[in-house]
Amino acid sequence: MGAGEAKDPPTPEMETGKSAMDTAGPSVVGEAVLENARLMLQMETLQAGADDFKERYENEQPFRKAAEEEISSLYKVIDEANLTKTDLEHQIENLKEELSFLTRSYEEDVKVLYKQLAGSELEQTDVLLGTGLDDVLETIRIQWERDVEKNRAEAGALLQAKLNPRKPSRLQPDFPSEPCWSAHHIE
């Protein structure tokens, strides 16, 4: 608007629009201020929640790292336990083989001992050779009793033969009743 121009007089529509704006303006501005305050409050609430989650996350990080380290160390323990288990299984197999060898060797030694005690070939007994000392002693006792009975029978037969003398045969020489070193020869 220049200096020479005149202002248009206000029209009734302008007056009614101006008054509508004047009356509607404060309520629209008030609503906008309230909406802005609500949005600011929501933003602050969201920011406080985010800060809370961030703080909890940072507080939980050391626990997470400790748990991961513990899991890692447990995996190492599991690996070591598996290696130890494998080693022990191998040792068990070796010990089983050694036990089998020692059992066979023991049985052979017991048979040799029987032969030495009996002074002859070991007769097969009805009792299986056991691995315990009681079993071995019982088997030796049974064998010994058999040998004693056999010797008694042989001794009884010899005694009967001496008690019932047969006629001397011609091939047997006659021996003098006196020994050759008797007293009359020494003088």
N, C-alpha and C. Protein backbone atom coordinates (compact mmCIF):
# COMPACT_ATOMS: atom_id res chain seq x y z
N MET A 1 0.83 -1.15 0.00
CA MET A 1 0.00 0.00 0.00
C MET A 1 0.88 1.22 0.00
N GLY A 2 0.57 1.99 -0.90
CA GLY A 2 1.37 3.19 -1.05
C GLY A 2 0.84 4.33 -0.18
N ALA A 3 1.51 5.52 -0.31
CA ALA A 3 1.13 6.65 0.53
C ALA A 3 -0.15 7.30 0.04
N GLY A 4 -0.43 7.18 -1.27
CA GLY A 4 -1.62 7.82 -1.79
C GLY A 4 -2.82 6.95 -1.75
N GLU A 5 -2.67 5.79 -1.43
CA GLU A 5 -3.82 4.89 -1.45
C GLU A 5 -4.58 5.02 -0.15
N ALA A 6 -5.80 4.85 -0.28
CA ALA A 6 -6.64 4.95 0.90
C ALA A 6 -7.04 3.57 1.34
N LYS A 7 -7.33 3.49 2.56
CA LYS A 7 -7.75 2.21 3.11
C LYS A 7 -9.19 1.99 2.74
N ASP A 8 -9.44 0.75 2.43
CA ASP A 8 -10.82 0.41 2.14
C ASP A 8 -11.56 0.32 3.46
N PRO A 9 -12.72 0.80 3.42
CA PRO A 9 -13.48 0.69 4.66
C PRO A 9 -13.81 -0.77 4.92
N PRO A 10 -13.87 -1.14 6.13
CA PRO A 10 -14.16 -2.54 6.45
C PRO A 10 -15.59 -2.89 6.05
N THR A 11 -15.68 -4.07 5.51
CA THR A 11 -16.99 -4.57 5.08
C THR A 11 -17.57 -5.41 6.20
N PRO A 12 -18.85 -5.64 6.14
CA PRO A 12 -19.44 -6.43 7.22
C PRO A 12 -18.90 -7.87 7.24
N GLU A 13 -18.53 -8.43 6.08
CA GLU A 13 -18.00 -9.80 6.09
C GLU A 13 -16.66 -9.82 6.79
N MET A 14 -15.90 -8.75 6.55
CA MET A 14 -14.60 -8.69 7.18
C MET A 14 -14.77 -8.57 8.66
N GLU A 15 -15.74 -7.86 9.05
CA GLU A 15 -15.96 -7.67 10.47
C GLU A 15 -16.40 -8.96 11.10
N THR A 16 -17.24 -9.72 10.46
CA THR A 16 -17.70 -10.97 11.02
C THR A 16 -16.56 -11.98 11.03
N GLY A 17 -15.68 -12.01 9.98
CA GLY A 17 -14.54 -12.92 9.93
C GLY A 17 -13.55 -12.56 11.00
N LYS A 18 -13.36 -11.30 11.20
CA LYS A 18 -12.40 -10.85 12.19
C LYS A 18 -12.90 -11.21 13.56
N SER A 19 -14.14 -11.05 13.76
CA SER A 19 -14.66 -11.38 15.07
C SER A 19 -14.68 -12.89 15.29
N ALA A 20 -14.86 -13.68 14.24
CA ALA A 20 -14.84 -15.14 14.36
C ALA A 20 -13.44 -15.61 14.70
N MET A 21 -12.48 -14.94 14.09
CA MET A 21 -11.10 -15.30 14.38
C MET A 21 -10.72 -14.87 15.77
N ASP A 22 -11.22 -13.73 16.13
CA ASP A 22 -10.90 -13.27 17.47
C ASP A 22 -11.51 -14.20 18.52
N THR A 23 -12.68 -14.68 18.29
CA THR A 23 -13.32 -15.56 19.26
C THR A 23 -12.78 -16.99 19.16
N ALA A 24 -12.43 -17.51 17.96
CA ALA A 24 -11.94 -18.88 17.79
C ALA A 24 -10.46 -18.95 18.06
N GLY A 25 -9.73 -17.92 17.94
CA GLY A 25 -8.28 -17.91 18.11
C GLY A 25 -7.82 -18.38 19.45
N PRO A 26 -8.31 -17.86 20.53
CA PRO A 26 -7.81 -18.31 21.82
C PRO A 26 -8.10 -19.79 22.08
N SER A 27 -9.21 -20.33 21.65
CA SER A 27 -9.51 -21.74 21.91
C SER A 27 -8.63 -22.65 21.06
N VAL A 28 -8.34 -22.27 19.82
CA VAL A 28 -7.47 -23.07 18.96
C VAL A 28 -6.06 -23.03 19.50
N VAL A 29 -5.64 -21.88 19.92
CA VAL A 29 -4.29 -21.75 20.48
C VAL A 29 -4.21 -22.56 21.77
N GLY A 30 -5.21 -22.53 22.58
CA GLY A 30 -5.22 -23.30 23.84
C GLY A 30 -5.16 -24.80 23.57
N GLU A 31 -5.92 -25.24 22.57
CA GLU A 31 -5.89 -26.66 22.22
C GLU A 31 -4.52 -27.06 21.68
N ALA A 32 -3.91 -26.19 20.87
CA ALA A 32 -2.59 -26.47 20.33
C ALA A 32 -1.57 -26.53 21.44
N VAL A 33 -1.70 -25.63 22.42
CA VAL A 33 -0.77 -25.64 23.56
C VAL A 33 -0.96 -26.93 24.37
N LEU A 34 -2.21 -27.32 24.58
CA LEU A 34 -2.47 -28.58 25.31
C LEU A 34 -1.93 -29.79 24.55
N GLU A 35 -2.15 -29.83 23.24
CA GLU A 35 -1.64 -30.94 22.42
C GLU A 35 -0.13 -30.97 22.48
N ASN A 36 0.48 -29.80 22.40
CA ASN A 36 1.94 -29.71 22.48
C ASN A 36 2.42 -30.21 23.84
N ALA A 37 1.72 -29.85 24.90
CA ALA A 37 2.11 -30.29 26.25
C ALA A 37 1.97 -31.81 26.36
N ARG A 38 0.89 -32.38 25.79
CA ARG A 38 0.71 -33.83 25.80
C ARG A 38 1.82 -34.53 25.04
N LEU A 39 2.17 -34.02 23.89
CA LEU A 39 3.26 -34.61 23.10
C LEU A 39 4.58 -34.51 23.83
N MET A 40 4.83 -33.38 24.48
CA MET A 40 6.07 -33.20 25.25
C MET A 40 6.11 -34.20 26.41
N LEU A 41 4.94 -34.40 27.08
CA LEU A 41 4.87 -35.34 28.19
C LEU A 41 5.12 -36.77 27.70
N GLN A 42 4.52 -37.13 26.56
CA GLN A 42 4.75 -38.46 25.98
C GLN A 42 6.22 -38.65 25.62
N MET A 43 6.82 -37.61 25.04
CA MET A 43 8.24 -37.67 24.67
C MET A 43 9.10 -37.85 25.90
N GLU A 44 8.80 -37.11 26.95
CA GLU A 44 9.58 -37.23 28.19
C GLU A 44 9.41 -38.63 28.80
N THR A 45 8.17 -39.16 28.75
CA THR A 45 7.91 -40.50 29.28
C THR A 45 8.69 -41.54 28.47
N LEU A 46 8.62 -41.40 27.14
CA LEU A 46 9.37 -42.34 26.28
C LEU A 46 10.87 -42.21 26.51
N GLN A 47 11.35 -40.99 26.66
CA GLN A 47 12.78 -40.78 26.91
C GLN A 47 13.18 -41.38 28.25
N ALA A 48 12.33 -41.21 29.27
CA ALA A 48 12.64 -41.78 30.59
C ALA A 48 12.65 -43.31 30.50
N GLY A 49 11.68 -43.89 29.75
CA GLY A 49 11.66 -45.35 29.56
C GLY A 49 12.90 -45.84 28.83
N ALA A 50 13.28 -45.10 27.78
CA ALA A 50 14.48 -45.48 27.02
C ALA A 50 15.72 -45.38 27.90
N ASP A 51 15.80 -44.31 28.69
CA ASP A 51 16.95 -44.16 29.61
C ASP A 51 16.97 -45.31 30.63
N ASP A 52 15.78 -45.69 31.13
CA ASP A 52 15.70 -46.79 32.09
C ASP A 52 16.17 -48.11 31.45
N PHE A 53 15.70 -48.38 30.22
CA PHE A 53 16.14 -49.60 29.53
C PHE A 53 17.63 -49.57 29.25
N LYS A 54 18.14 -48.40 28.87
CA LYS A 54 19.58 -48.28 28.60
C LYS A 54 20.38 -48.55 29.88
N GLU A 55 19.91 -48.00 31.00
CA GLU A 55 20.61 -48.20 32.27
C GLU A 55 20.57 -49.68 32.67
N ARG A 56 19.40 -50.32 32.52
CA ARG A 56 19.30 -51.75 32.85
C ARG A 56 20.17 -52.59 31.93
N TYR A 57 20.21 -52.22 30.66
CA TYR A 57 21.06 -52.94 29.69
C TYR A 57 22.52 -52.85 30.11
N GLU A 58 22.95 -51.63 30.45
CA GLU A 58 24.34 -51.44 30.86
C GLU A 58 24.64 -52.16 32.18
N ASN A 59 23.66 -52.22 33.08
CA ASN A 59 23.85 -52.94 34.34
C ASN A 59 23.90 -54.46 34.13
N GLU A 60 23.18 -54.95 33.13
CA GLU A 60 23.13 -56.39 32.88
C GLU A 60 24.31 -56.88 32.04
N GLN A 61 25.01 -56.00 31.37
CA GLN A 61 26.13 -56.41 30.52
C GLN A 61 27.20 -57.19 31.28
N PRO A 62 27.64 -56.76 32.46
CA PRO A 62 28.65 -57.56 33.18
C PRO A 62 28.14 -58.96 33.54
N PHE A 63 26.84 -59.05 33.89
CA PHE A 63 26.28 -60.36 34.20
C PHE A 63 26.27 -61.26 32.97
N ARG A 64 25.93 -60.66 31.83
CA ARG A 64 25.92 -61.41 30.58
C ARG A 64 27.32 -61.90 30.25
N LYS A 65 28.31 -61.02 30.37
CA LYS A 65 29.69 -61.42 30.09
C LYS A 65 30.15 -62.52 31.04
N ALA A 66 29.78 -62.39 32.31
CA ALA A 66 30.16 -63.41 33.30
C ALA A 66 29.51 -64.75 32.95
N ALA A 67 28.23 -64.71 32.54
CA ALA A 67 27.55 -65.94 32.17
C ALA A 67 28.19 -66.57 30.94
N GLU A 68 28.55 -65.74 29.95
CA GLU A 68 29.22 -66.27 28.75
C GLU A 68 30.57 -66.88 29.09
N GLU A 69 31.32 -66.23 29.98
CA GLU A 69 32.61 -66.78 30.40
C GLU A 69 32.42 -68.09 31.15
N GLU A 70 31.40 -68.15 31.99
CA GLU A 70 31.12 -69.38 32.74
C GLU A 70 30.75 -70.51 31.78
N ILE A 71 29.93 -70.20 30.80
CA ILE A 71 29.55 -71.21 29.80
C ILE A 71 30.78 -71.68 29.05
N SER A 72 31.63 -70.75 28.67
CA SER A 72 32.87 -71.10 27.96
C SER A 72 33.74 -72.00 28.83
N SER A 73 33.88 -71.66 30.11
CA SER A 73 34.70 -72.50 31.00
C SER A 73 34.06 -73.87 31.20
N LEU A 74 32.72 -73.92 31.22
CA LEU A 74 32.05 -75.21 31.36
C LEU A 74 32.25 -76.08 30.12
N TYR A 75 32.29 -75.46 28.94
CA TYR A 75 32.59 -76.23 27.73
C TYR A 75 33.99 -76.83 27.82
N LYS A 76 34.93 -76.05 28.37
CA LYS A 76 36.29 -76.57 28.54
C LYS A 76 36.29 -77.74 29.52
N VAL A 77 35.52 -77.60 30.60
CA VAL A 77 35.43 -78.69 31.59
C VAL A 77 34.82 -79.94 30.95
N ILE A 78 33.79 -79.74 30.13
CA ILE A 78 33.17 -80.88 29.44
C ILE A 78 34.17 -81.56 28.53
N ASP A 79 34.94 -80.77 27.77
CA ASP A 79 35.95 -81.35 26.89
C ASP A 79 36.99 -82.13 27.69
N GLU A 80 37.45 -81.56 28.80
CA GLU A 80 38.43 -82.26 29.64
C GLU A 80 37.83 -83.54 30.23
N ALA A 81 36.56 -83.47 30.63
CA ALA A 81 35.90 -84.66 31.19
C ALA A 81 35.77 -85.75 30.13
N ASN A 82 35.46 -85.36 28.89
CA ASN A 82 35.37 -86.35 27.82
C ASN A 82 36.72 -86.99 27.55
N LEU A 83 37.79 -86.18 27.57
CA LEU A 83 39.13 -86.74 27.38
C LEU A 83 39.49 -87.69 28.52
N THR A 84 39.16 -87.29 29.74
CA THR A 84 39.44 -88.14 30.90
C THR A 84 38.64 -89.43 30.81
N LYS A 85 37.38 -89.33 30.39
CA LYS A 85 36.54 -90.51 30.25
C LYS A 85 37.14 -91.47 29.23
N THR A 86 37.57 -90.95 28.10
CA THR A 86 38.18 -91.79 27.07
C THR A 86 39.45 -92.45 27.60
N ASP A 87 40.26 -91.68 28.32
CA ASP A 87 41.49 -92.23 28.89
C ASP A 87 41.18 -93.32 29.90
N LEU A 88 40.19 -93.09 30.75
CA LEU A 88 39.82 -94.09 31.75
C LEU A 88 39.25 -95.36 31.10
N GLU A 89 38.47 -95.20 30.04
CA GLU A 89 37.96 -96.37 29.33
C GLU A 89 39.11 -97.19 28.75
N HIS A 90 40.10 -96.50 28.22
CA HIS A 90 41.29 -97.19 27.69
C HIS A 90 42.02 -97.92 28.81
N GLN A 91 42.17 -97.26 29.95
CA GLN A 91 42.84 -97.90 31.09
C GLN A 91 42.05 -99.11 31.58
N ILE A 92 40.72 -99.02 31.57
CA ILE A 92 39.89 -100.15 31.99
C ILE A 92 40.11 -101.33 31.06
N GLU A 93 40.14 -101.07 29.75
CA GLU A 93 40.39 -102.16 28.80
C GLU A 93 41.75 -102.80 29.05
N ASN A 94 42.77 -101.97 29.29
CA ASN A 94 44.10 -102.51 29.57
C ASN A 94 44.09 -103.34 30.85
N LEU A 95 43.39 -102.85 31.88
CA LEU A 95 43.32 -103.59 33.13
C LEU A 95 42.56 -104.91 32.97
N LYS A 96 41.51 -104.91 32.14
CA LYS A 96 40.79 -106.16 31.89
C LYS A 96 41.69 -107.18 31.21
N GLU A 97 42.48 -106.71 30.22
CA GLU A 97 43.41 -107.61 29.55
C GLU A 97 44.45 -108.13 30.54
N GLU A 98 44.97 -107.25 31.39
CA GLU A 98 45.96 -107.66 32.37
C GLU A 98 45.36 -108.64 33.37
N LEU A 99 44.12 -108.41 33.79
CA LEU A 99 43.45 -109.32 34.71
C LEU A 99 43.27 -110.69 34.08
N SER A 100 42.89 -110.72 32.82
CA SER A 100 42.73 -111.99 32.11
C SER A 100 44.06 -112.73 32.06
N PHE A 101 45.13 -112.01 31.73
CA PHE A 101 46.46 -112.63 31.69
C PHE A 101 46.86 -113.15 33.06
N LEU A 102 46.65 -112.33 34.10
CA LEU A 102 47.02 -112.74 35.45
C LEU A 102 46.20 -113.94 35.92
N THR A 103 44.93 -114.00 35.53
CA THR A 103 44.09 -115.13 35.90
C THR A 103 44.62 -116.41 35.28
N ARG A 104 44.95 -116.35 33.98
CA ARG A 104 45.52 -117.54 33.32
C ARG A 104 46.84 -117.93 33.97
N SER A 105 47.68 -116.95 34.24
CA SER A 105 48.98 -117.21 34.87
C SER A 105 48.78 -117.81 36.26
N TYR A 106 47.82 -117.30 36.99
CA TYR A 106 47.54 -117.79 38.34
C TYR A 106 47.10 -119.25 38.27
N GLU A 107 46.20 -119.57 37.34
CA GLU A 107 45.72 -120.95 37.22
C GLU A 107 46.87 -121.89 36.87
N GLU A 108 47.77 -121.45 35.98
CA GLU A 108 48.93 -122.28 35.65
C GLU A 108 49.83 -122.46 36.86
N ASP A 109 50.04 -121.40 37.63
CA ASP A 109 50.87 -121.50 38.83
C ASP A 109 50.25 -122.44 39.85
N VAL A 110 48.93 -122.42 39.99
CA VAL A 110 48.26 -123.31 40.93
C VAL A 110 48.43 -124.75 40.49
N LYS A 111 48.34 -125.02 39.19
CA LYS A 111 48.54 -126.38 38.70
C LYS A 111 49.96 -126.85 38.98
N VAL A 112 50.94 -125.98 38.76
CA VAL A 112 52.33 -126.34 39.06
C VAL A 112 52.48 -126.61 40.55
N LEU A 113 51.84 -125.83 41.37
CA LEU A 113 51.90 -126.03 42.82
C LEU A 113 51.28 -127.37 43.20
N TYR A 114 50.15 -127.73 42.58
CA TYR A 114 49.55 -129.03 42.83
C TYR A 114 50.53 -130.15 42.49
N LYS A 115 51.19 -130.02 41.36
CA LYS A 115 52.14 -131.05 40.93
C LYS A 115 53.28 -131.17 41.94
N GLN A 116 53.76 -130.04 42.42
CA GLN A 116 54.85 -130.08 43.39
C GLN A 116 54.39 -130.70 44.70
N LEU A 117 53.19 -130.38 45.14
CA LEU A 117 52.68 -130.93 46.40
C LEU A 117 52.39 -132.42 46.28
N ALA A 118 51.86 -132.83 45.17
CA ALA A 118 51.50 -134.23 45.00
C ALA A 118 52.72 -135.06 44.63
N GLY A 119 53.72 -134.47 44.06
CA GLY A 119 54.91 -135.20 43.65
C GLY A 119 54.68 -136.00 42.39
N SER A 120 53.57 -135.82 41.77
CA SER A 120 53.27 -136.55 40.54
C SER A 120 52.38 -135.68 39.67
N GLU A 121 51.93 -136.29 38.60
CA GLU A 121 51.04 -135.56 37.70
C GLU A 121 49.76 -135.18 38.45
N LEU A 122 49.28 -134.03 38.17
CA LEU A 122 48.06 -133.56 38.82
C LEU A 122 46.88 -134.30 38.24
N GLU A 123 46.13 -134.94 39.11
CA GLU A 123 44.93 -135.60 38.65
C GLU A 123 43.85 -134.55 38.48
N GLN A 124 43.03 -134.73 37.49
CA GLN A 124 41.94 -133.78 37.30
C GLN A 124 40.94 -133.97 38.42
N THR A 125 40.58 -132.92 39.05
CA THR A 125 39.63 -133.01 40.15
C THR A 125 38.26 -132.62 39.65
N ASP A 126 37.26 -133.04 40.41
CA ASP A 126 35.89 -132.68 40.06
C ASP A 126 35.63 -131.21 40.34
N VAL A 127 36.42 -130.65 41.22
CA VAL A 127 36.25 -129.26 41.61
C VAL A 127 37.04 -128.38 40.65
N LEU A 128 36.38 -127.39 40.08
CA LEU A 128 37.08 -126.46 39.21
C LEU A 128 38.01 -125.60 40.03
N LEU A 129 39.10 -125.20 39.42
CA LEU A 129 40.03 -124.32 40.12
C LEU A 129 39.37 -122.97 40.32
N GLY A 130 39.36 -122.54 41.54
CA GLY A 130 38.79 -121.24 41.85
C GLY A 130 39.90 -120.21 41.94
N THR A 131 39.50 -118.99 42.04
CA THR A 131 40.51 -117.94 42.13
C THR A 131 40.75 -117.51 43.57
N GLY A 132 39.89 -117.97 44.49
CA GLY A 132 40.08 -117.58 45.89
C GLY A 132 40.96 -118.57 46.62
N LEU A 133 41.59 -118.13 47.67
CA LEU A 133 42.48 -118.98 48.45
C LEU A 133 41.70 -120.13 49.07
N ASP A 134 40.47 -119.87 49.52
CA ASP A 134 39.65 -120.94 50.10
C ASP A 134 39.39 -122.04 49.09
N ASP A 135 39.09 -121.66 47.84
CA ASP A 135 38.85 -122.66 46.80
C ASP A 135 40.10 -123.49 46.54
N VAL A 136 41.24 -122.84 46.48
CA VAL A 136 42.50 -123.55 46.22
C VAL A 136 42.79 -124.51 47.36
N LEU A 137 42.66 -124.05 48.60
CA LEU A 137 42.92 -124.92 49.75
C LEU A 137 41.95 -126.09 49.80
N GLU A 138 40.71 -125.86 49.47
CA GLU A 138 39.72 -126.94 49.45
C GLU A 138 40.08 -127.97 48.39
N THR A 139 40.50 -127.53 47.23
CA THR A 139 40.89 -128.45 46.17
C THR A 139 42.12 -129.25 46.58
N ILE A 140 43.08 -128.60 47.20
CA ILE A 140 44.28 -129.30 47.68
C ILE A 140 43.90 -130.32 48.75
N ARG A 141 43.00 -129.96 49.67
CA ARG A 141 42.56 -130.89 50.71
C ARG A 141 41.90 -132.12 50.10
N ILE A 142 41.03 -131.92 49.12
CA ILE A 142 40.36 -133.05 48.46
C ILE A 142 41.38 -133.97 47.80
N GLN A 143 42.32 -133.38 47.08
CA GLN A 143 43.36 -134.16 46.41
C GLN A 143 44.20 -134.92 47.44
N TRP A 144 44.53 -134.26 48.52
CA TRP A 144 45.34 -134.87 49.57
C TRP A 144 44.61 -136.06 50.19
N GLU A 145 43.31 -135.89 50.45
CA GLU A 145 42.52 -136.99 51.02
C GLU A 145 42.47 -138.18 50.07
N ARG A 146 42.36 -137.94 48.78
CA ARG A 146 42.38 -139.04 47.80
C ARG A 146 43.71 -139.78 47.85
N ASP A 147 44.80 -138.99 47.91
CA ASP A 147 46.12 -139.62 47.97
C ASP A 147 46.29 -140.42 49.26
N VAL A 148 45.78 -139.91 50.38
CA VAL A 148 45.88 -140.63 51.66
C VAL A 148 45.12 -141.94 51.58
N GLU A 149 43.92 -141.92 51.02
CA GLU A 149 43.13 -143.15 50.88
C GLU A 149 43.84 -144.15 49.98
N LYS A 150 44.43 -143.66 48.91
CA LYS A 150 45.17 -144.54 47.99
C LYS A 150 46.35 -145.17 48.72
N ASN A 151 47.09 -144.37 49.49
CA ASN A 151 48.24 -144.89 50.23
C ASN A 151 47.80 -145.88 51.31
N ARG A 152 46.67 -145.62 51.97
CA ARG A 152 46.16 -146.56 52.97
C ARG A 152 45.84 -147.91 52.33
N ALA A 153 45.20 -147.85 51.17
CA ALA A 153 44.86 -149.10 50.49
C ALA A 153 46.12 -149.87 50.11
N GLU A 154 47.13 -149.16 49.59
CA GLU A 154 48.39 -149.82 49.23
C GLU A 154 49.08 -150.38 50.47
N ALA A 155 49.09 -149.62 51.57
CA ALA A 155 49.73 -150.09 52.80
C ALA A 155 48.98 -151.30 53.36
N GLY A 156 47.67 -151.29 53.30
CA GLY A 156 46.88 -152.43 53.76
C GLY A 156 47.18 -153.67 52.93
N ALA A 157 47.32 -153.50 51.64
CA ALA A 157 47.64 -154.64 50.77
C ALA A 157 49.02 -155.18 51.09
N LEU A 158 49.99 -154.31 51.32
CA LEU A 158 51.35 -154.76 51.68
C LEU A 158 51.34 -155.47 53.02
N LEU A 159 50.57 -154.97 53.98
CA LEU A 159 50.50 -155.61 55.28
C LEU A 159 49.89 -156.99 55.16
N GLN A 160 48.85 -157.11 54.39
CA GLN A 160 48.23 -158.42 54.17
C GLN A 160 49.20 -159.37 53.50
N ALA A 161 49.99 -158.85 52.59
CA ALA A 161 50.96 -159.71 51.90
C ALA A 161 52.02 -160.20 52.87
N LYS A 162 52.42 -159.38 53.82
CA LYS A 162 53.43 -159.80 54.79
C LYS A 162 52.85 -160.75 55.82
N LEU A 163 51.60 -160.53 56.19
CA LEU A 163 50.99 -161.40 57.18
C LEU A 163 50.68 -162.78 56.60
N ASN A 164 50.38 -162.86 55.39
CA ASN A 164 50.11 -164.13 54.73
C ASN A 164 51.28 -164.43 53.79
N PRO A 165 52.39 -164.93 54.36
CA PRO A 165 53.55 -165.15 53.48
C PRO A 165 53.30 -166.33 52.55
N ARG A 166 53.80 -166.23 51.40
CA ARG A 166 53.73 -167.30 50.41
C ARG A 166 54.98 -168.16 50.56
N LYS A 167 54.98 -169.23 49.90
CA LYS A 167 56.17 -170.07 49.91
C LYS A 167 57.26 -169.33 49.19
N PRO A 168 58.46 -169.40 49.74
CA PRO A 168 59.55 -168.73 49.04
C PRO A 168 59.84 -169.44 47.73
N SER A 169 60.08 -168.72 46.79
CA SER A 169 60.38 -169.30 45.48
C SER A 169 61.84 -169.68 45.42
N ARG A 170 62.23 -170.46 44.48
CA ARG A 170 63.60 -170.94 44.36
C ARG A 170 64.54 -169.82 43.98
N LEU A 171 64.04 -168.80 43.39
CA LEU A 171 64.91 -167.72 42.95
C LEU A 171 65.33 -166.84 44.10
N GLN A 172 64.65 -166.92 45.22
CA GLN A 172 65.00 -166.08 46.34
C GLN A 172 66.12 -166.76 47.13
N PRO A 173 67.20 -166.07 47.41
CA PRO A 173 68.28 -166.69 48.16
C PRO A 173 67.91 -166.80 49.63
N ASP A 174 68.52 -167.79 50.29
CA ASP A 174 68.33 -167.94 51.73
C ASP A 174 69.33 -167.06 52.43
N PHE A 175 68.85 -166.26 53.32
CA PHE A 175 69.72 -165.39 54.09
C PHE A 175 69.87 -166.00 55.48
N PRO A 176 71.07 -165.92 56.04
CA PRO A 176 71.23 -166.45 57.39
C PRO A 176 70.41 -165.61 58.36
N SER A 177 69.98 -166.26 59.41
CA SER A 177 69.16 -165.56 60.38
C SER A 177 69.98 -164.59 61.19
N GLU A 178 71.29 -164.83 61.30
CA GLU A 178 72.15 -163.91 62.03
C GLU A 178 72.79 -162.95 61.06
N PRO A 179 72.91 -161.75 61.47
CA PRO A 179 73.61 -160.81 60.60
C PRO A 179 75.09 -161.14 60.56
N CYS A 180 75.74 -160.75 59.52
CA CYS A 180 77.14 -161.07 59.34
C CYS A 180 78.04 -160.28 60.26
N TRP A 181 77.62 -159.35 60.87
CA TRP A 181 78.45 -158.54 61.78
C TRP A 181 78.22 -158.93 63.24
N SER A 182 77.74 -160.09 63.46
CA SER A 182 77.46 -160.51 64.82
C SER A 182 78.73 -160.52 65.66
N ALA A 183 78.58 -160.71 66.92
CA ALA A 183 79.67 -160.56 67.88
C ALA A 183 80.72 -161.65 67.73
N HIS A 184 80.36 -162.84 67.32
CA HIS A 184 81.36 -163.89 67.25
C HIS A 184 82.31 -163.70 66.08
N HIS A 185 81.93 -162.93 65.07
CA HIS A 185 82.84 -162.67 63.95
C HIS A 185 83.80 -161.54 64.25
N ILE A 186 83.49 -160.71 65.15
CA ILE A 186 84.31 -159.54 65.41
C ILE A 186 85.50 -159.92 66.27
N GLU A 187 85.43 -160.89 67.08
CA GLU A 187 86.52 -161.23 67.98
C GLU A 187 87.64 -161.75 67.25
